Amino acid sequence: MTGVRVDKWLWAARFFKTRSLAARACELGRIQSNGQPAKPAREVKVADLLLVKNDSGDFHVEVLALSEMRGPAAVAQTLYRETEASREARRKLAEERRAMPHFEALREGKPSKRDRRVIDRLRGRG
């Protein structure tokens, strides 16, 4: 096997849950192969460099093996090697996200009795 469609490979390497999600990511320009935007039918070969942008972050990976079949996660991880710079950038981003304060979503409608007590306490009325 000399090459595999990029959407099949991304699905087999478990970057996306379904092949259609992988194809959609290609169409939206979230996948780059050797610095070029990759269409779903583009062939991926061993030693290609891919930039994969998904919900988990940006992955810079080198293709080590080809596969058209989705297998266990342990096998999928042998298909590629993530660059050290990519790993470090994702780790920093995760730390920044953890350090950011978490705000509760704003509630719709009028405040509850408990909320009103808290508001009154903050305003110094009670």
N, C-alpha and C. Protein backbone atom coordinates (compact mmCIF):
# COMPACT_ATOMS: atom_id res chain seq x y z
N MET A 1 0.85 -1.18 0.00
CA MET A 1 0.00 0.00 0.00
C MET A 1 0.90 1.24 0.00
N THR A 2 0.77 2.06 -1.01
CA THR A 2 1.63 3.24 -1.12
C THR A 2 0.97 4.49 -0.56
N GLY A 3 -0.34 4.54 -0.55
CA GLY A 3 -1.04 5.72 -0.05
C GLY A 3 -2.46 5.38 0.36
N VAL A 4 -3.00 6.22 1.25
CA VAL A 4 -4.37 6.06 1.76
C VAL A 4 -5.02 7.43 1.74
N ARG A 5 -6.32 7.45 1.49
CA ARG A 5 -7.06 8.72 1.56
C ARG A 5 -6.87 9.33 2.95
N VAL A 6 -6.71 10.65 3.00
CA VAL A 6 -6.45 11.31 4.27
C VAL A 6 -7.63 11.17 5.23
N ASP A 7 -8.87 11.20 4.73
CA ASP A 7 -10.01 11.06 5.64
C ASP A 7 -10.06 9.67 6.26
N LYS A 8 -9.72 8.64 5.48
CA LYS A 8 -9.68 7.27 6.02
C LYS A 8 -8.58 7.14 7.07
N TRP A 9 -7.41 7.73 6.77
CA TRP A 9 -6.29 7.61 7.69
C TRP A 9 -6.58 8.32 9.01
N LEU A 10 -7.17 9.53 8.93
CA LEU A 10 -7.50 10.27 10.15
C LEU A 10 -8.51 9.52 11.01
N TRP A 11 -9.46 8.85 10.35
CA TRP A 11 -10.45 8.05 11.06
C TRP A 11 -9.77 6.83 11.69
N ALA A 12 -8.89 6.15 10.94
CA ALA A 12 -8.20 4.96 11.45
C ALA A 12 -7.25 5.32 12.59
N ALA A 13 -6.65 6.52 12.53
CA ALA A 13 -5.73 6.97 13.57
C ALA A 13 -6.47 7.57 14.77
N ARG A 14 -7.80 7.57 14.71
CA ARG A 14 -8.67 8.01 15.80
C ARG A 14 -8.55 9.50 16.13
N PHE A 15 -8.32 10.32 15.13
CA PHE A 15 -8.39 11.76 15.33
C PHE A 15 -9.85 12.21 15.27
N PHE A 16 -10.68 11.47 14.55
CA PHE A 16 -12.11 11.77 14.43
C PHE A 16 -12.91 10.50 14.64
N LYS A 17 -14.12 10.67 15.19
CA LYS A 17 -14.97 9.53 15.50
C LYS A 17 -15.54 8.85 14.26
N THR A 18 -15.83 9.62 13.24
CA THR A 18 -16.37 9.05 12.00
C THR A 18 -15.58 9.58 10.81
N ARG A 19 -15.66 8.83 9.73
CA ARG A 19 -14.95 9.24 8.52
C ARG A 19 -15.58 10.51 7.95
N SER A 20 -16.89 10.65 8.09
CA SER A 20 -17.54 11.86 7.57
C SER A 20 -17.09 13.10 8.33
N LEU A 21 -16.81 12.98 9.64
CA LEU A 21 -16.28 14.12 10.40
C LEU A 21 -14.87 14.47 9.92
N ALA A 22 -14.09 13.45 9.60
CA ALA A 22 -12.74 13.68 9.08
C ALA A 22 -12.80 14.37 7.73
N ALA A 23 -13.71 13.93 6.87
CA ALA A 23 -13.87 14.55 5.55
C ALA A 23 -14.34 15.99 5.70
N ARG A 24 -15.23 16.24 6.62
CA ARG A 24 -15.74 17.60 6.86
C ARG A 24 -14.61 18.52 7.33
N ALA A 25 -13.74 18.01 8.21
CA ALA A 25 -12.60 18.79 8.70
C ALA A 25 -11.68 19.16 7.53
N CYS A 26 -11.50 18.23 6.60
CA CYS A 26 -10.67 18.50 5.41
C CYS A 26 -11.30 19.62 4.58
N GLU A 27 -12.61 19.52 4.38
CA GLU A 27 -13.30 20.52 3.57
C GLU A 27 -13.25 21.91 4.21
N LEU A 28 -13.22 21.96 5.54
CA LEU A 28 -13.18 23.24 6.25
C LEU A 28 -11.76 23.78 6.38
N GLY A 29 -10.77 23.05 5.87
CA GLY A 29 -9.38 23.52 5.91
C GLY A 29 -8.68 23.28 7.23
N ARG A 30 -9.16 22.36 8.03
CA ARG A 30 -8.56 22.08 9.34
C ARG A 30 -7.45 21.03 9.26
N ILE A 31 -7.24 20.48 8.09
CA ILE A 31 -6.19 19.48 7.89
C ILE A 31 -5.22 20.00 6.84
N GLN A 32 -3.94 19.95 7.16
CA GLN A 32 -2.91 20.33 6.20
C GLN A 32 -1.93 19.17 6.05
N SER A 33 -1.54 18.91 4.82
CA SER A 33 -0.58 17.86 4.52
C SER A 33 0.64 18.52 3.90
N ASN A 34 1.77 18.43 4.59
CA ASN A 34 3.02 19.06 4.13
C ASN A 34 2.83 20.54 3.82
N GLY A 35 2.06 21.22 4.65
CA GLY A 35 1.87 22.66 4.49
C GLY A 35 0.78 23.07 3.52
N GLN A 36 0.14 22.12 2.86
CA GLN A 36 -0.92 22.41 1.89
C GLN A 36 -2.27 21.96 2.46
N PRO A 37 -3.33 22.74 2.23
CA PRO A 37 -4.66 22.27 2.66
C PRO A 37 -4.98 20.94 1.98
N ALA A 38 -5.52 20.00 2.76
CA ALA A 38 -5.76 18.65 2.24
C ALA A 38 -7.25 18.43 2.01
N LYS A 39 -7.58 17.94 0.82
CA LYS A 39 -8.95 17.53 0.53
C LYS A 39 -9.10 16.09 1.01
N PRO A 40 -10.34 15.63 1.23
CA PRO A 40 -10.54 14.28 1.78
C PRO A 40 -9.91 13.16 0.95
N ALA A 41 -9.84 13.31 -0.38
CA ALA A 41 -9.33 12.24 -1.24
C ALA A 41 -7.81 12.29 -1.41
N ARG A 42 -7.15 13.26 -0.82
CA ARG A 42 -5.69 13.37 -0.96
C ARG A 42 -5.00 12.14 -0.37
N GLU A 43 -3.97 11.68 -1.04
CA GLU A 43 -3.24 10.50 -0.57
C GLU A 43 -2.25 10.90 0.53
N VAL A 44 -2.24 10.10 1.59
CA VAL A 44 -1.26 10.26 2.66
C VAL A 44 -0.24 9.15 2.50
N LYS A 45 1.03 9.49 2.61
CA LYS A 45 2.10 8.51 2.48
C LYS A 45 2.93 8.52 3.75
N VAL A 46 3.69 7.47 3.97
CA VAL A 46 4.58 7.40 5.12
C VAL A 46 5.56 8.57 5.03
N ALA A 47 5.86 9.18 6.17
CA ALA A 47 6.77 10.32 6.34
C ALA A 47 6.12 11.66 5.99
N ASP A 48 4.84 11.70 5.64
CA ASP A 48 4.15 12.97 5.44
C ASP A 48 3.97 13.67 6.79
N LEU A 49 3.96 14.99 6.77
CA LEU A 49 3.70 15.78 7.97
C LEU A 49 2.29 16.35 7.88
N LEU A 50 1.50 16.10 8.90
CA LEU A 50 0.11 16.57 8.91
C LEU A 50 -0.10 17.53 10.07
N LEU A 51 -0.93 18.54 9.82
CA LEU A 51 -1.42 19.41 10.88
C LEU A 51 -2.90 19.14 11.00
N VAL A 52 -3.31 18.64 12.17
CA VAL A 52 -4.70 18.26 12.40
C VAL A 52 -5.26 19.17 13.49
N LYS A 53 -6.30 19.95 13.14
CA LYS A 53 -6.96 20.82 14.11
C LYS A 53 -8.31 20.21 14.43
N ASN A 54 -8.49 19.79 15.69
CA ASN A 54 -9.79 19.29 16.11
C ASN A 54 -10.10 19.79 17.52
N ASP A 55 -11.15 19.27 18.14
CA ASP A 55 -11.58 19.76 19.45
C ASP A 55 -10.51 19.58 20.51
N SER A 56 -9.64 18.59 20.36
CA SER A 56 -8.61 18.31 21.35
C SER A 56 -7.41 19.24 21.23
N GLY A 57 -7.33 19.99 20.16
CA GLY A 57 -6.20 20.90 19.96
C GLY A 57 -5.59 20.73 18.59
N ASP A 58 -4.42 21.34 18.41
CA ASP A 58 -3.70 21.24 17.14
C ASP A 58 -2.60 20.20 17.27
N PHE A 59 -2.63 19.21 16.39
CA PHE A 59 -1.64 18.14 16.40
C PHE A 59 -0.75 18.28 15.18
N HIS A 60 0.56 18.31 15.38
CA HIS A 60 1.53 18.23 14.29
C HIS A 60 2.08 16.81 14.35
N VAL A 61 1.76 16.00 13.35
CA VAL A 61 2.15 14.59 13.39
C VAL A 61 2.89 14.19 12.13
N GLU A 62 3.75 13.18 12.30
CA GLU A 62 4.44 12.55 11.18
C GLU A 62 3.82 11.17 10.99
N VAL A 63 3.46 10.85 9.76
CA VAL A 63 2.83 9.56 9.46
C VAL A 63 3.91 8.48 9.49
N LEU A 64 3.70 7.45 10.33
CA LEU A 64 4.66 6.35 10.44
C LEU A 64 4.18 5.10 9.71
N ALA A 65 2.85 4.92 9.66
CA ALA A 65 2.28 3.73 9.01
C ALA A 65 0.93 4.09 8.41
N LEU A 66 0.48 3.27 7.48
CA LEU A 66 -0.80 3.50 6.81
C LEU A 66 -1.79 2.43 7.22
N SER A 67 -3.05 2.83 7.31
CA SER A 67 -4.12 1.89 7.61
C SER A 67 -5.44 2.44 7.12
N GLU A 68 -6.26 1.56 6.57
CA GLU A 68 -7.61 1.95 6.16
C GLU A 68 -8.65 1.45 7.14
N MET A 69 -8.21 0.62 8.09
CA MET A 69 -9.15 0.03 9.05
C MET A 69 -8.94 0.66 10.43
N ARG A 70 -10.03 0.92 11.09
CA ARG A 70 -9.98 1.47 12.44
C ARG A 70 -9.82 0.31 13.41
N GLY A 71 -8.82 0.40 14.25
CA GLY A 71 -8.57 -0.66 15.22
C GLY A 71 -8.54 -0.10 16.62
N PRO A 72 -7.97 -0.86 17.55
CA PRO A 72 -7.87 -0.39 18.93
C PRO A 72 -7.00 0.87 19.03
N ALA A 73 -7.20 1.63 20.09
CA ALA A 73 -6.46 2.88 20.27
C ALA A 73 -4.95 2.63 20.34
N ALA A 74 -4.54 1.53 20.92
CA ALA A 74 -3.11 1.22 21.02
C ALA A 74 -2.49 1.05 19.63
N VAL A 75 -3.23 0.44 18.72
CA VAL A 75 -2.75 0.26 17.35
C VAL A 75 -2.77 1.60 16.61
N ALA A 76 -3.81 2.39 16.85
CA ALA A 76 -3.94 3.68 16.18
C ALA A 76 -2.78 4.61 16.52
N GLN A 77 -2.28 4.53 17.74
CA GLN A 77 -1.18 5.40 18.16
C GLN A 77 0.14 5.04 17.49
N THR A 78 0.23 3.85 16.93
CA THR A 78 1.46 3.45 16.24
C THR A 78 1.49 3.97 14.80
N LEU A 79 0.39 4.54 14.33
CA LEU A 79 0.32 5.04 12.96
C LEU A 79 1.01 6.39 12.79
N TYR A 80 1.26 7.11 13.89
CA TYR A 80 1.82 8.44 13.80
C TYR A 80 2.71 8.74 15.00
N ARG A 81 3.51 9.82 14.85
CA ARG A 81 4.32 10.32 15.96
C ARG A 81 4.09 11.82 16.03
N GLU A 82 3.67 12.28 17.18
CA GLU A 82 3.43 13.71 17.38
C GLU A 82 4.75 14.41 17.67
N THR A 83 4.95 15.58 17.10
CA THR A 83 6.19 16.31 17.34
C THR A 83 6.23 16.82 18.78
N GLU A 84 7.43 16.99 19.28
CA GLU A 84 7.60 17.44 20.66
C GLU A 84 7.04 18.85 20.85
N ALA A 85 7.21 19.73 19.87
CA ALA A 85 6.69 21.10 19.96
C ALA A 85 5.16 21.08 20.05
N SER A 86 4.53 20.19 19.29
CA SER A 86 3.08 20.08 19.31
C SER A 86 2.59 19.62 20.68
N ARG A 87 3.27 18.62 21.24
CA ARG A 87 2.90 18.09 22.56
C ARG A 87 3.02 19.19 23.62
N GLU A 88 4.11 19.95 23.55
CA GLU A 88 4.35 21.02 24.52
C GLU A 88 3.30 22.12 24.40
N ALA A 89 2.94 22.50 23.18
CA ALA A 89 1.94 23.55 22.97
C ALA A 89 0.57 23.11 23.50
N ARG A 90 0.20 21.86 23.26
CA ARG A 90 -1.10 21.38 23.77
C ARG A 90 -1.10 21.32 25.29
N ARG A 91 0.05 20.94 25.90
CA ARG A 91 0.15 20.88 27.36
C ARG A 91 -0.01 22.28 27.96
N LYS A 92 0.65 23.28 27.35
CA LYS A 92 0.54 24.65 27.83
C LYS A 92 -0.89 25.17 27.73
N LEU A 93 -1.55 24.87 26.61
CA LEU A 93 -2.92 25.29 26.42
C LEU A 93 -3.84 24.68 27.47
N ALA A 94 -3.61 23.40 27.79
CA ALA A 94 -4.42 22.73 28.81
C ALA A 94 -4.20 23.37 30.19
N GLU A 95 -2.96 23.73 30.50
CA GLU A 95 -2.68 24.39 31.77
C GLU A 95 -3.35 25.75 31.86
N GLU A 96 -3.32 26.50 30.75
CA GLU A 96 -3.98 27.81 30.74
C GLU A 96 -5.48 27.67 30.94
N ARG A 97 -6.07 26.65 30.32
CA ARG A 97 -7.51 26.43 30.47
C ARG A 97 -7.85 26.09 31.91
N ARG A 98 -6.99 25.28 32.56
CA ARG A 98 -7.23 24.91 33.97
C ARG A 98 -7.10 26.12 34.88
N ALA A 99 -6.17 27.04 34.55
CA ALA A 99 -5.92 28.20 35.40
C ALA A 99 -7.01 29.26 35.28
N MET A 100 -7.73 29.26 34.16
CA MET A 100 -8.78 30.26 33.97
C MET A 100 -9.94 30.01 34.94
N PRO A 101 -10.49 31.09 35.50
CA PRO A 101 -11.63 30.90 36.41
C PRO A 101 -12.84 30.36 35.66
N HIS A 102 -13.57 29.50 36.31
CA HIS A 102 -14.76 28.92 35.70
C HIS A 102 -15.99 29.70 36.18
N PHE A 103 -16.71 30.29 35.25
CA PHE A 103 -17.90 31.06 35.60
C PHE A 103 -19.14 30.22 35.34
N GLU A 104 -20.07 30.32 36.27
CA GLU A 104 -21.33 29.62 36.12
C GLU A 104 -22.15 30.32 35.03
N ALA A 105 -22.84 29.54 34.25
CA ALA A 105 -23.66 30.11 33.18
C ALA A 105 -24.75 31.00 33.78
N LEU A 106 -25.05 32.08 33.10
CA LEU A 106 -26.09 32.99 33.57
C LEU A 106 -27.44 32.31 33.52
N ARG A 107 -28.21 32.52 34.56
CA ARG A 107 -29.53 31.91 34.60
C ARG A 107 -30.54 32.78 33.89
N GLU A 108 -31.50 32.15 33.30
CA GLU A 108 -32.57 32.88 32.62
C GLU A 108 -33.67 33.19 33.63
N GLY A 109 -34.35 34.28 33.42
CA GLY A 109 -35.49 34.62 34.28
C GLY A 109 -35.06 35.39 35.52
N LYS A 110 -36.00 35.54 36.44
CA LYS A 110 -35.70 36.32 37.63
C LYS A 110 -34.97 35.48 38.66
N PRO A 111 -34.22 36.13 39.56
CA PRO A 111 -33.44 35.40 40.56
C PRO A 111 -34.34 34.67 41.55
N SER A 112 -33.83 33.55 42.05
CA SER A 112 -34.57 32.81 43.07
C SER A 112 -34.42 33.55 44.41
N LYS A 113 -35.13 33.05 45.41
CA LYS A 113 -35.08 33.68 46.72
C LYS A 113 -33.64 33.65 47.27
N ARG A 114 -32.99 32.53 47.07
CA ARG A 114 -31.60 32.38 47.53
C ARG A 114 -30.69 33.36 46.78
N ASP A 115 -30.89 33.48 45.47
CA ASP A 115 -30.08 34.41 44.67
C ASP A 115 -30.28 35.85 45.16
N ARG A 116 -31.52 36.20 45.48
CA ARG A 116 -31.80 37.56 45.94
C ARG A 116 -31.10 37.85 47.26
N ARG A 117 -31.05 36.86 48.14
CA ARG A 117 -30.34 37.03 49.41
C ARG A 117 -28.86 37.29 49.18
N VAL A 118 -28.28 36.56 48.27
CA VAL A 118 -26.85 36.75 47.94
C VAL A 118 -26.63 38.13 47.35
N ILE A 119 -27.51 38.55 46.46
CA ILE A 119 -27.39 39.89 45.85
C ILE A 119 -27.52 40.97 46.91
N ASP A 120 -28.48 40.82 47.80
CA ASP A 120 -28.66 41.81 48.87
C ASP A 120 -27.42 41.86 49.76
N ARG A 121 -26.85 40.71 50.09
CA ARG A 121 -25.65 40.68 50.91
C ARG A 121 -24.49 41.39 50.21
N LEU A 122 -24.34 41.18 48.90
CA LEU A 122 -23.27 41.84 48.16
C LEU A 122 -23.46 43.35 48.10
N ARG A 123 -24.71 43.79 48.04
CA ARG A 123 -24.99 45.23 47.98
C ARG A 123 -24.99 45.87 49.37
N GLY A 124 -24.82 45.05 50.41
CA GLY A 124 -24.75 45.59 51.78
C GLY A 124 -26.08 45.92 52.38
N ARG A 125 -27.15 45.22 51.95
CA ARG A 125 -28.49 45.49 52.47
C ARG A 125 -28.99 44.42 53.40
N GLY A 126 -28.17 43.64 53.95
CA GLY A 126 -28.80 42.64 54.79
C GLY A 126 -27.84 41.85 55.48
